[in-house]
N, C-alpha and C. Protein backbone atom coordinates (compact mmCIF):
# COMPACT_ATOMS: atom_id res chain seq x y z
N MET A 1 -30.27 2.60 -1.69
CA MET A 1 -30.77 3.25 -0.58
C MET A 1 -29.33 4.04 0.36
N LYS A 2 -28.25 3.20 0.40
CA LYS A 2 -26.98 3.77 0.88
C LYS A 2 -26.59 4.95 0.07
N LYS A 3 -26.35 5.13 -0.94
CA LYS A 3 -25.84 6.15 -1.53
C LYS A 3 -26.68 7.42 -1.51
N GLN A 4 -28.08 7.40 -1.24
CA GLN A 4 -28.86 8.41 -1.17
C GLN A 4 -28.60 9.10 0.23
N ILE A 5 -27.92 8.53 1.16
CA ILE A 5 -27.65 9.06 2.37
C ILE A 5 -26.09 9.45 2.67
N ASN A 6 -25.39 9.09 1.79
CA ASN A 6 -24.02 9.36 1.71
C ASN A 6 -23.83 10.65 1.21
N LEU A 7 -23.16 11.80 1.63
CA LEU A 7 -23.34 12.96 0.79
C LEU A 7 -22.19 12.81 -0.09
N PHE A 8 -21.20 12.11 -0.08
CA PHE A 8 -19.93 12.19 -0.93
C PHE A 8 -20.24 11.65 -2.40
N TYR A 9 -21.52 10.83 -2.53
CA TYR A 9 -22.24 10.54 -3.64
C TYR A 9 -22.60 11.60 -4.59
N HIS A 10 -22.85 12.95 -3.82
CA HIS A 10 -23.61 13.87 -4.67
C HIS A 10 -22.52 15.08 -4.82
N LEU A 11 -21.30 14.83 -4.69
CA LEU A 11 -20.35 16.08 -4.62
C LEU A 11 -19.40 15.75 -5.75
N PRO A 12 -19.01 16.72 -6.52
CA PRO A 12 -17.99 16.37 -7.54
C PRO A 12 -16.56 15.77 -6.82
N LYS A 13 -16.10 15.04 -7.45
CA LYS A 13 -15.12 14.09 -6.96
C LYS A 13 -13.67 15.06 -6.27
N GLU A 14 -13.30 15.97 -7.13
CA GLU A 14 -12.16 16.80 -6.65
C GLU A 14 -12.41 17.57 -5.45
N LEU A 15 -13.63 18.13 -5.62
CA LEU A 15 -14.04 19.09 -4.54
C LEU A 15 -14.52 18.43 -3.17
N SER A 16 -15.02 17.23 -3.34
CA SER A 16 -15.15 16.33 -2.25
C SER A 16 -14.07 15.92 -1.52
N LEU A 17 -12.80 15.94 -2.15
CA LEU A 17 -11.58 15.45 -1.39
C LEU A 17 -11.03 16.71 -0.80
N ASP A 18 -11.11 17.98 -1.57
CA ASP A 18 -10.56 18.94 -0.69
C ASP A 18 -11.50 19.37 0.34
N ALA A 19 -12.79 19.28 0.42
CA ALA A 19 -13.72 19.56 1.57
C ALA A 19 -13.26 18.63 2.48
N PHE A 20 -13.39 17.32 2.09
CA PHE A 20 -13.12 16.31 3.13
C PHE A 20 -11.58 16.35 4.02
N LEU A 21 -10.72 16.72 3.38
CA LEU A 21 -9.24 16.83 3.81
C LEU A 21 -9.52 17.93 4.72
N MET A 22 -10.08 19.27 4.24
CA MET A 22 -10.18 20.37 5.08
C MET A 22 -10.78 19.91 6.48
N TRP A 23 -12.02 19.38 6.34
CA TRP A 23 -12.75 19.17 7.52
C TRP A 23 -12.01 18.13 8.58
N LEU A 24 -11.11 16.84 7.81
CA LEU A 24 -10.52 15.97 8.45
C LEU A 24 -9.42 16.78 9.33
N PHE A 25 -8.40 17.45 8.81
CA PHE A 25 -7.55 18.25 9.31
C PHE A 25 -7.91 19.04 10.71
N ILE A 26 -9.27 19.59 10.60
CA ILE A 26 -9.91 20.13 11.89
C ILE A 26 -10.46 19.49 12.70
N PHE A 27 -10.93 18.15 12.43
CA PHE A 27 -11.54 17.10 13.16
C PHE A 27 -10.11 16.49 13.91
N LEU A 28 -9.19 16.21 13.29
CA LEU A 28 -7.84 15.64 13.97
C LEU A 28 -7.46 16.66 15.05
N GLU A 29 -7.58 18.03 14.64
CA GLU A 29 -6.87 18.80 15.72
C GLU A 29 -7.76 19.11 17.13
N ARG A 30 -9.06 19.29 16.53
CA ARG A 30 -9.98 19.56 17.72
C ARG A 30 -10.47 18.42 18.72
N ASN A 31 -10.47 17.35 17.72
CA ASN A 31 -10.87 16.20 18.82
C ASN A 31 -9.91 15.55 19.51
N GLU A 32 -9.92 15.82 20.94
CA GLU A 32 -8.67 15.17 21.68
C GLU A 32 -8.81 13.58 21.69
N SER A 33 -9.80 13.02 21.49
CA SER A 33 -10.14 11.60 21.44
C SER A 33 -9.23 10.99 20.38
N VAL A 34 -9.21 11.70 19.44
CA VAL A 34 -8.21 11.05 18.04
C VAL A 34 -6.72 11.34 17.91
N HIS A 35 -6.34 11.93 18.95
CA HIS A 35 -5.07 12.56 18.90
C HIS A 35 -3.82 11.40 18.74
N SER A 36 -4.00 10.35 19.47
CA SER A 36 -3.20 9.28 19.27
C SER A 36 -3.16 8.56 18.01
N ILE A 37 -4.35 8.51 17.44
CA ILE A 37 -4.68 7.93 16.10
C ILE A 37 -4.17 8.98 15.03
N ARG A 38 -4.38 10.32 15.27
CA ARG A 38 -3.73 11.11 14.37
C ARG A 38 -2.11 10.89 13.94
N ASN A 39 -1.32 10.64 14.77
CA ASN A 39 -0.33 10.27 14.55
C ASN A 39 0.00 8.92 13.62
N GLN A 40 -0.86 8.13 13.85
CA GLN A 40 -1.16 7.03 13.11
C GLN A 40 -1.36 7.34 11.51
N PHE A 41 -2.34 8.34 11.30
CA PHE A 41 -3.00 8.85 10.11
C PHE A 41 -1.76 9.56 9.50
N PHE A 42 -0.89 10.46 10.12
CA PHE A 42 0.15 11.17 9.72
C PHE A 42 1.15 10.06 9.13
N ASP A 43 1.38 8.87 10.05
CA ASP A 43 2.69 8.30 9.66
C ASP A 43 2.48 7.40 8.13
N THR A 44 1.16 7.28 8.11
CA THR A 44 0.62 6.33 7.08
C THR A 44 0.46 7.12 5.61
N LEU A 45 -0.10 8.54 5.84
CA LEU A 45 -0.35 9.27 4.76
C LEU A 45 0.67 10.35 4.38
N ILE A 46 1.31 10.93 5.24
CA ILE A 46 1.71 12.26 5.27
C ILE A 46 3.42 12.11 5.48
N LEU A 47 3.73 11.70 6.50
CA LEU A 47 5.13 11.88 7.12
C LEU A 47 5.95 10.98 6.11
N LYS A 48 7.29 11.64 5.90
CA LYS A 48 8.66 10.92 5.36
C LYS A 48 8.74 9.68 6.27
N PRO A 49 9.29 8.61 5.64
CA PRO A 49 9.67 7.59 6.45
C PRO A 49 10.60 7.72 7.85
N GLU A 50 11.62 8.64 7.34
CA GLU A 50 12.61 8.91 8.73
C GLU A 50 11.79 9.65 9.78
N ASP A 51 10.36 10.14 9.54
CA ASP A 51 10.01 11.11 10.53
C ASP A 51 8.78 10.37 11.22
N ARG A 52 8.34 9.09 10.86
CA ARG A 52 7.38 8.36 11.18
C ARG A 52 7.59 7.75 12.86
N GLY A 53 6.61 8.24 13.39
CA GLY A 53 6.68 7.95 14.92
C GLY A 53 6.62 9.19 15.85
N LYS A 54 7.20 10.25 14.93
CA LYS A 54 7.33 11.67 15.62
C LYS A 54 5.98 12.19 16.06
N LYS A 55 6.07 13.07 16.98
CA LYS A 55 4.65 13.57 17.70
C LYS A 55 4.20 14.51 16.45
N VAL A 56 2.96 14.66 15.97
CA VAL A 56 2.51 15.73 15.18
C VAL A 56 1.29 16.46 16.11
N SER A 57 1.34 17.78 16.11
CA SER A 57 0.36 18.72 16.80
C SER A 57 0.21 20.08 15.98
N ASP A 58 -0.48 20.87 16.57
CA ASP A 58 -0.95 22.10 15.95
C ASP A 58 -1.30 22.16 14.56
N LEU A 59 -2.43 21.23 14.24
CA LEU A 59 -2.46 21.49 12.79
C LEU A 59 -3.54 22.58 12.50
N GLU A 60 -3.10 23.17 11.34
CA GLU A 60 -3.79 24.06 10.66
C GLU A 60 -3.66 24.36 9.33
N ALA A 61 -5.14 24.16 8.83
CA ALA A 61 -5.13 23.97 7.33
C ALA A 61 -5.95 25.08 6.68
N ARG A 62 -5.72 25.32 5.68
CA ARG A 62 -6.48 26.35 4.74
C ARG A 62 -6.53 25.97 3.29
N ARG A 63 -7.80 26.50 2.78
CA ARG A 63 -7.79 26.39 1.24
C ARG A 63 -6.93 27.50 0.56
N LYS A 64 -6.33 26.87 -0.48
CA LYS A 64 -5.56 28.12 -1.32
C LYS A 64 -4.19 28.49 -0.41
N SER A 65 -3.53 29.00 -1.02
CA SER A 65 -2.42 29.81 -0.33
C SER A 65 -2.17 31.25 -0.81
N HIS A 66 -1.97 31.91 0.37
CA HIS A 66 -1.54 33.50 0.03
C HIS A 66 -0.61 33.70 -0.64
N ILE A 67 0.54 32.63 -0.86
CA ILE A 67 1.69 32.55 -1.63
C ILE A 67 1.28 32.17 -3.14
N TRP A 68 0.51 31.36 -3.08
CA TRP A 68 0.20 30.70 -4.38
C TRP A 68 -1.19 30.69 -4.78
N GLU A 69 -2.05 32.02 -4.44
CA GLU A 69 -3.15 32.06 -4.55
C GLU A 69 -4.06 31.33 -5.89
N ASN A 70 -4.99 30.86 -5.70
CA ASN A 70 -5.66 30.02 -6.96
C ASN A 70 -4.79 28.98 -7.36
N SER A 71 -3.86 28.44 -6.64
CA SER A 71 -2.92 27.55 -7.30
C SER A 71 -3.10 26.25 -6.56
N THR A 72 -2.44 26.00 -5.31
CA THR A 72 -2.49 24.96 -4.65
C THR A 72 -3.64 24.69 -4.03
N ASP A 73 -4.15 23.52 -3.63
CA ASP A 73 -5.45 23.18 -3.19
C ASP A 73 -5.87 23.37 -1.75
N ILE A 74 -4.89 22.75 -0.90
CA ILE A 74 -4.78 23.07 0.49
C ILE A 74 -3.21 23.19 1.18
N VAL A 75 -3.15 24.19 2.03
CA VAL A 75 -2.01 24.29 2.86
C VAL A 75 -2.09 23.61 4.09
N LEU A 76 -1.26 22.79 4.59
CA LEU A 76 -1.40 22.36 5.82
C LEU A 76 -0.24 22.75 6.63
N GLU A 77 -0.24 23.37 7.66
CA GLU A 77 1.04 23.83 8.84
C GLU A 77 0.72 22.56 9.94
N PHE A 78 1.83 22.40 10.61
CA PHE A 78 1.64 21.55 11.85
C PHE A 78 3.10 21.56 12.30
N LYS A 79 2.97 21.12 13.78
CA LYS A 79 4.36 20.78 14.36
C LYS A 79 4.62 19.30 14.30
N LEU A 80 6.03 19.12 14.01
CA LEU A 80 6.71 17.89 14.19
C LEU A 80 7.60 17.89 15.02
N ASP A 81 7.22 17.16 16.09
CA ASP A 81 8.37 17.22 17.32
C ASP A 81 8.56 18.63 17.74
N GLY A 82 7.60 19.39 17.75
CA GLY A 82 7.57 20.85 18.03
C GLY A 82 8.24 21.73 16.84
N GLU A 83 8.64 21.11 15.75
CA GLU A 83 9.24 22.07 14.73
C GLU A 83 8.20 22.37 13.64
N PRO A 84 8.03 23.70 13.28
CA PRO A 84 6.99 23.96 12.29
C PRO A 84 7.06 23.37 10.85
N ARG A 85 6.06 22.81 10.24
CA ARG A 85 6.23 22.09 8.82
C ARG A 85 5.23 22.65 7.83
N THR A 86 5.35 22.89 6.73
CA THR A 86 4.19 22.96 5.89
C THR A 86 4.10 22.14 4.61
N ILE A 87 3.18 21.74 4.41
CA ILE A 87 2.79 20.70 3.23
C ILE A 87 1.83 21.35 2.52
N LEU A 88 1.91 21.34 1.01
CA LEU A 88 0.94 21.61 -0.03
C LEU A 88 -0.03 20.44 -0.45
N PHE A 89 -0.99 20.45 -0.69
CA PHE A 89 -1.68 19.17 -1.18
C PHE A 89 -2.43 19.57 -2.58
N GLU A 90 -1.95 18.85 -3.66
CA GLU A 90 -2.82 18.94 -4.88
C GLU A 90 -3.45 17.88 -4.99
N ASN A 91 -4.82 17.81 -5.25
CA ASN A 91 -5.75 16.96 -5.39
C ASN A 91 -6.41 16.96 -7.09
N ARG A 92 -6.25 15.81 -7.54
CA ARG A 92 -6.80 15.84 -8.85
C ARG A 92 -7.73 14.67 -9.32
N ILE A 93 -8.14 14.81 -10.53
CA ILE A 93 -9.25 13.89 -10.81
C ILE A 93 -8.25 13.01 -12.03
N SER A 94 -7.97 13.73 -13.03
CA SER A 94 -7.36 13.31 -14.05
C SER A 94 -6.40 14.11 -14.88
N SER A 95 -5.90 15.37 -14.36
CA SER A 95 -5.40 16.25 -15.47
C SER A 95 -4.00 16.13 -14.87
N MET A 96 -2.89 16.04 -15.94
CA MET A 96 -1.63 16.31 -15.57
C MET A 96 -1.16 17.60 -15.57
N THR A 97 -1.86 18.48 -16.23
CA THR A 97 -1.58 19.86 -16.09
C THR A 97 -1.56 20.20 -14.53
N ALA A 98 -1.97 19.66 -13.72
CA ALA A 98 -2.17 20.18 -12.28
C ALA A 98 -0.78 20.24 -11.50
N ILE A 99 0.07 19.56 -12.09
CA ILE A 99 1.43 19.29 -11.52
C ILE A 99 2.25 20.67 -12.02
N LYS A 100 2.48 21.61 -11.06
CA LYS A 100 2.99 22.76 -11.09
C LYS A 100 4.41 22.53 -10.50
N GLY A 101 5.47 23.73 -10.81
CA GLY A 101 6.57 23.52 -10.57
C GLY A 101 6.84 23.99 -9.06
N TYR A 102 6.02 24.02 -7.82
CA TYR A 102 6.09 24.55 -6.64
C TYR A 102 7.44 24.47 -6.02
N GLU A 103 8.33 23.54 -6.44
CA GLU A 103 9.60 23.31 -5.74
C GLU A 103 10.35 24.34 -6.08
N THR A 104 10.37 25.17 -7.20
CA THR A 104 11.11 26.25 -7.62
C THR A 104 10.90 27.38 -6.88
N LEU A 105 9.46 27.54 -6.43
CA LEU A 105 8.86 28.88 -5.96
C LEU A 105 9.24 28.84 -4.30
N TYR A 106 9.24 27.71 -3.69
CA TYR A 106 9.40 27.71 -2.44
C TYR A 106 10.16 26.40 -1.80
N THR A 107 11.26 26.66 -1.43
CA THR A 107 12.01 25.43 -0.96
C THR A 107 12.06 25.02 0.54
N ALA A 108 11.05 25.83 1.39
CA ALA A 108 11.27 25.46 2.75
C ALA A 108 10.18 24.33 3.24
N LEU A 109 9.30 23.77 1.95
CA LEU A 109 8.54 23.08 2.14
C LEU A 109 8.86 21.74 2.81
N TYR A 110 7.95 21.32 3.77
CA TYR A 110 8.28 19.78 4.14
C TYR A 110 8.01 18.81 3.07
N GLY A 111 6.81 19.10 2.19
CA GLY A 111 6.54 18.21 1.24
C GLY A 111 5.10 18.57 0.26
N ILE A 112 5.30 18.13 -0.89
CA ILE A 112 3.80 18.54 -1.74
C ILE A 112 3.35 17.10 -1.99
N VAL A 113 2.17 17.09 -1.72
CA VAL A 113 1.57 15.77 -1.58
C VAL A 113 0.56 15.65 -2.85
N TYR A 114 0.57 14.84 -3.75
CA TYR A 114 -0.39 14.67 -4.94
C TYR A 114 -1.31 13.65 -4.70
N ILE A 115 -2.40 13.82 -4.52
CA ILE A 115 -3.47 12.72 -4.34
C ILE A 115 -4.19 12.80 -5.53
N LYS A 116 -4.35 11.77 -6.20
CA LYS A 116 -5.32 11.69 -7.56
C LYS A 116 -6.45 10.40 -7.29
N MET A 117 -7.61 11.22 -7.66
CA MET A 117 -8.87 10.27 -7.51
C MET A 117 -9.02 9.56 -8.84
N GLY A 118 -8.09 8.94 -9.23
CA GLY A 118 -8.21 8.07 -10.52
C GLY A 118 -6.92 7.57 -10.76
N ALA A 119 -6.47 6.93 -11.90
CA ALA A 119 -5.21 6.11 -12.14
C ALA A 119 -4.13 7.23 -12.55
N PHE A 120 -3.05 6.91 -12.21
CA PHE A 120 -1.75 7.70 -12.59
C PHE A 120 -1.29 6.91 -13.94
N GLU A 121 -1.10 7.91 -14.78
CA GLU A 121 -0.32 7.55 -15.54
C GLU A 121 1.06 7.44 -15.58
N HIS A 122 1.85 6.52 -16.30
CA HIS A 122 3.16 6.53 -16.07
C HIS A 122 3.94 7.79 -16.03
N GLN A 123 3.73 8.45 -17.45
CA GLN A 123 4.56 9.78 -17.50
C GLN A 123 4.02 10.88 -16.49
N GLU A 124 2.92 10.74 -16.34
CA GLU A 124 2.46 11.82 -15.11
C GLU A 124 3.10 11.48 -13.84
N ALA A 125 3.39 10.18 -13.18
CA ALA A 125 4.05 9.80 -12.04
C ALA A 125 5.41 10.36 -12.39
N LEU A 126 6.14 10.18 -13.15
CA LEU A 126 7.56 10.52 -13.71
C LEU A 126 7.72 12.13 -13.35
N LEU A 127 6.81 12.95 -14.11
CA LEU A 127 6.98 14.41 -13.88
C LEU A 127 6.50 14.77 -12.58
N ALA A 128 5.70 14.04 -11.85
CA ALA A 128 5.46 14.78 -10.38
C ALA A 128 6.67 14.17 -9.65
N GLN A 129 7.06 13.08 -9.64
CA GLN A 129 8.39 12.81 -8.92
C GLN A 129 9.39 13.68 -9.15
N LYS A 130 9.54 14.05 -10.49
CA LYS A 130 10.72 14.93 -10.98
C LYS A 130 10.62 16.28 -10.30
N ARG A 131 9.16 16.86 -10.26
CA ARG A 131 8.95 17.95 -9.25
C ARG A 131 8.74 18.08 -8.11
N GLY A 132 8.95 16.97 -7.45
CA GLY A 132 9.15 16.65 -5.92
C GLY A 132 7.90 16.59 -5.20
N TYR A 133 6.90 15.91 -6.06
CA TYR A 133 5.81 15.78 -5.64
C TYR A 133 5.66 14.33 -4.79
N THR A 134 4.93 13.85 -3.55
CA THR A 134 4.97 12.82 -3.13
C THR A 134 3.60 12.09 -3.60
N ILE A 135 3.56 11.34 -4.42
CA ILE A 135 2.38 10.53 -4.84
C ILE A 135 1.66 9.61 -4.06
N LYS A 136 0.37 10.25 -3.75
CA LYS A 136 -0.38 9.36 -2.61
C LYS A 136 -1.85 8.77 -3.81
N ASP A 137 -2.01 7.52 -3.51
CA ASP A 137 -3.26 6.85 -4.42
C ASP A 137 -4.20 6.64 -3.49
N ILE A 138 -5.49 6.18 -3.90
CA ILE A 138 -6.65 6.09 -3.32
C ILE A 138 -6.47 4.90 -2.32
N PRO A 139 -5.88 3.74 -2.51
CA PRO A 139 -5.86 2.54 -1.34
C PRO A 139 -5.09 3.11 -0.08
N LEU A 140 -3.89 3.94 -0.35
CA LEU A 140 -2.99 4.49 0.95
C LEU A 140 -4.03 5.56 1.48
N LEU A 141 -4.81 6.30 0.83
CA LEU A 141 -5.79 7.18 1.71
C LEU A 141 -6.66 6.53 2.49
N LEU A 142 -7.22 5.60 1.62
CA LEU A 142 -8.00 4.61 2.72
C LEU A 142 -7.29 3.82 3.87
N THR A 143 -6.26 3.39 3.46
CA THR A 143 -5.74 2.93 4.66
C THR A 143 -5.26 3.92 5.73
N SER A 144 -4.94 5.00 5.31
CA SER A 144 -4.58 5.85 6.53
C SER A 144 -5.98 6.42 7.39
N LEU A 145 -7.10 6.20 6.39
CA LEU A 145 -8.62 6.56 7.33
C LEU A 145 -9.11 5.51 8.20
N GLN A 146 -8.90 4.35 7.96
CA GLN A 146 -9.55 2.90 8.33
C GLN A 146 -9.45 3.23 10.06
N PRO A 147 -8.35 3.60 10.62
CA PRO A 147 -8.40 3.64 12.08
C PRO A 147 -9.33 4.58 12.77
N LEU A 148 -9.57 5.69 11.99
CA LEU A 148 -10.67 6.75 12.38
C LEU A 148 -12.06 6.68 12.10
N ILE A 149 -12.39 5.44 11.42
CA ILE A 149 -13.77 5.25 11.14
C ILE A 149 -14.73 5.31 12.39
N PRO A 150 -14.39 4.58 13.54
CA PRO A 150 -15.17 4.57 14.80
C PRO A 150 -15.48 5.77 15.17
N TYR A 151 -14.48 6.87 15.12
CA TYR A 151 -14.74 8.03 15.79
C TYR A 151 -15.69 9.33 14.96
N SER A 152 -16.04 8.73 13.70
CA SER A 152 -16.95 9.87 12.73
C SER A 152 -17.60 8.97 11.81
N SER A 153 -18.95 9.48 11.63
CA SER A 153 -19.84 8.65 10.52
C SER A 153 -19.32 9.45 9.26
N ILE A 154 -18.94 10.66 9.04
CA ILE A 154 -18.39 11.34 8.03
C ILE A 154 -17.17 10.35 7.48
N ILE A 155 -16.46 10.02 8.30
CA ILE A 155 -15.06 9.30 7.84
C ILE A 155 -15.56 7.95 7.31
N ALA A 156 -16.56 7.32 7.96
CA ALA A 156 -17.03 6.13 7.57
C ALA A 156 -17.68 6.42 5.96
N HIS A 157 -18.50 7.29 6.06
CA HIS A 157 -19.33 7.58 4.61
C HIS A 157 -18.07 7.70 3.49
N TYR A 158 -16.97 8.70 3.88
CA TYR A 158 -16.01 8.70 2.87
C TYR A 158 -15.20 7.47 2.40
N CYS A 159 -14.89 6.44 3.54
CA CYS A 159 -14.68 5.16 2.99
C CYS A 159 -15.24 4.45 2.50
N GLU A 160 -16.55 4.52 2.74
CA GLU A 160 -17.47 3.72 1.84
C GLU A 160 -17.60 4.04 0.54
N TYR A 161 -17.66 5.39 0.17
CA TYR A 161 -17.60 6.32 -0.96
C TYR A 161 -16.23 5.81 -1.91
N LEU A 162 -15.13 5.70 -1.22
CA LEU A 162 -13.89 5.41 -1.92
C LEU A 162 -13.85 3.72 -2.45
N GLU A 163 -14.30 2.94 -1.51
CA GLU A 163 -14.07 1.48 -1.59
C GLU A 163 -15.48 1.28 -2.82
N GLU A 164 -16.55 1.85 -2.78
CA GLU A 164 -17.67 1.65 -3.79
C GLU A 164 -17.50 2.12 -5.23
N ASN A 165 -17.12 3.53 -4.93
CA ASN A 165 -16.73 4.21 -6.38
C ASN A 165 -15.50 3.57 -7.01
N TYR A 166 -14.48 3.58 -6.25
CA TYR A 166 -13.27 3.17 -7.18
C TYR A 166 -12.90 1.86 -7.11
N GLY A 167 -13.70 0.96 -6.21
CA GLY A 167 -13.55 -0.49 -6.40
C GLY A 167 -12.17 -0.82 -5.74
N VAL A 168 -11.72 0.08 -4.68
CA VAL A 168 -10.39 -0.49 -4.03
C VAL A 168 -10.62 -0.74 -2.56
N THR A 169 -9.71 -1.19 -1.93
CA THR A 169 -9.61 -1.64 -0.52
C THR A 169 -8.42 -1.11 -0.09
N ALA A 170 -8.36 -0.88 1.06
CA ALA A 170 -7.37 -0.58 2.24
C ALA A 170 -6.04 -1.43 1.91
N ARG A 171 -4.78 -1.07 2.02
CA ARG A 171 -3.63 -1.90 1.85
C ARG A 171 -3.47 -2.69 3.20
N LYS A 172 -3.15 -3.62 3.12
CA LYS A 172 -2.81 -4.50 4.32
C LYS A 172 -1.36 -4.14 5.05
N ALA A 173 -0.53 -3.87 4.39
CA ALA A 173 0.76 -3.66 4.65
C ALA A 173 1.18 -1.82 4.18
N VAL A 174 1.71 -1.17 4.89
CA VAL A 174 1.90 0.23 4.36
C VAL A 174 3.33 0.16 4.16
N GLY A 175 3.79 0.68 2.80
CA GLY A 175 5.21 0.61 2.56
C GLY A 175 5.56 2.23 2.50
N ASP A 176 6.49 2.35 1.75
CA ASP A 176 6.95 3.75 1.48
C ASP A 176 6.04 4.22 0.32
N ASP A 177 6.40 5.56 0.07
CA ASP A 177 5.31 6.09 -0.90
C ASP A 177 5.44 5.26 -2.49
N ILE A 178 4.41 5.30 -3.09
CA ILE A 178 4.41 4.92 -4.43
C ILE A 178 5.12 5.49 -5.48
N ASN A 179 5.74 4.72 -6.27
CA ASN A 179 6.67 5.49 -7.35
C ASN A 179 6.22 5.36 -8.67
N SER A 180 6.93 5.76 -9.85
CA SER A 180 6.48 5.37 -11.00
C SER A 180 6.15 3.90 -11.59
N GLU A 181 7.21 3.06 -10.89
CA GLU A 181 7.29 1.72 -11.39
C GLU A 181 5.89 1.17 -10.74
N HIS A 182 5.89 1.40 -9.46
CA HIS A 182 4.70 0.62 -8.91
C HIS A 182 3.15 1.14 -9.61
N LEU A 183 3.18 2.29 -9.88
CA LEU A 183 2.27 2.86 -10.56
C LEU A 183 1.69 2.14 -12.05
N TYR A 184 2.86 1.93 -12.60
CA TYR A 184 3.08 1.47 -14.01
C TYR A 184 2.17 -0.21 -13.90
N LYS A 185 2.64 -0.83 -12.55
CA LYS A 185 2.19 -2.27 -12.25
C LYS A 185 0.65 -2.40 -12.16
N LEU A 186 0.46 -0.99 -11.67
CA LEU A 186 -1.10 -1.09 -10.89
C LEU A 186 -2.01 -0.25 -12.11
N ARG A 187 -1.44 0.16 -12.71
CA ARG A 187 -2.24 0.89 -14.05
C ARG A 187 -3.56 -0.10 -14.30
N SER A 188 -3.15 -1.18 -14.72
CA SER A 188 -4.22 -2.23 -15.26
C SER A 188 -5.31 -2.40 -14.50
N LYS A 189 -4.96 -2.47 -13.22
CA LYS A 189 -6.07 -2.49 -12.23
C LYS A 189 -7.06 -1.44 -12.07
N TYR A 190 -6.34 -0.20 -12.19
CA TYR A 190 -7.45 1.13 -12.15
C TYR A 190 -7.96 1.54 -13.30
N MET A 191 -7.49 0.84 -14.44
CA MET A 191 -7.87 1.44 -15.70
C MET A 191 -9.35 1.06 -16.12
N ARG A 192 -9.88 0.29 -15.56
CA ARG A 192 -11.52 -0.20 -15.77
C ARG A 192 -12.06 1.04 -15.02
N PHE A 193 -11.72 1.79 -13.83
CA PHE A 193 -12.26 2.85 -12.94
C PHE A 193 -12.48 4.15 -13.87
N LEU A 194 -11.60 4.29 -15.00
CA LEU A 194 -11.37 5.47 -15.69
C LEU A 194 -12.49 5.72 -16.79
N VAL A 195 -13.21 4.67 -17.22
CA VAL A 195 -14.08 4.61 -18.25
C VAL A 195 -15.50 4.86 -17.75
N ARG A 196 -15.59 4.92 -16.21
CA ARG A 196 -16.84 5.23 -15.46
C ARG A 196 -17.68 6.65 -16.01
């Protein structure tokens, strides 16, 4: 019965992540009651280690980019301690072809985040890192969302969907971004979810 009332069980995986992230960035900007937690979310999922703890404000997200129309999934502009920043988000289920060379097109980006709703292959992780992507996995996404659950049933439903559909839980401790060696070690853990 739970799955019938949770919208995310009825959406295609990649599109549900895009839609959820767009909604989440709007929610984080417009809902003043979560502004203090917004920084925690950014520290966990988005900011570089040297920028964690800095103030995040003025979020503006859009689907696609006017620069790379029909290319990147989400463009997020925000201020970090008052300085403007731009991040591109690529969200994929299983395609390595999604890794494009944005770093050669626009060097003023704060970062390019690659979130994959499935297991990362070792070669895929190496290519992503070579092209300047910061790789984020499902447990890290779930960890970043946990403090926001009490503020929205949509966030609670999305976390439930991630836990049940991918068999993952939030990380107990947040470290640096995952790298290809870390992914290689985790590969066997996720492999069983690829055959679903």
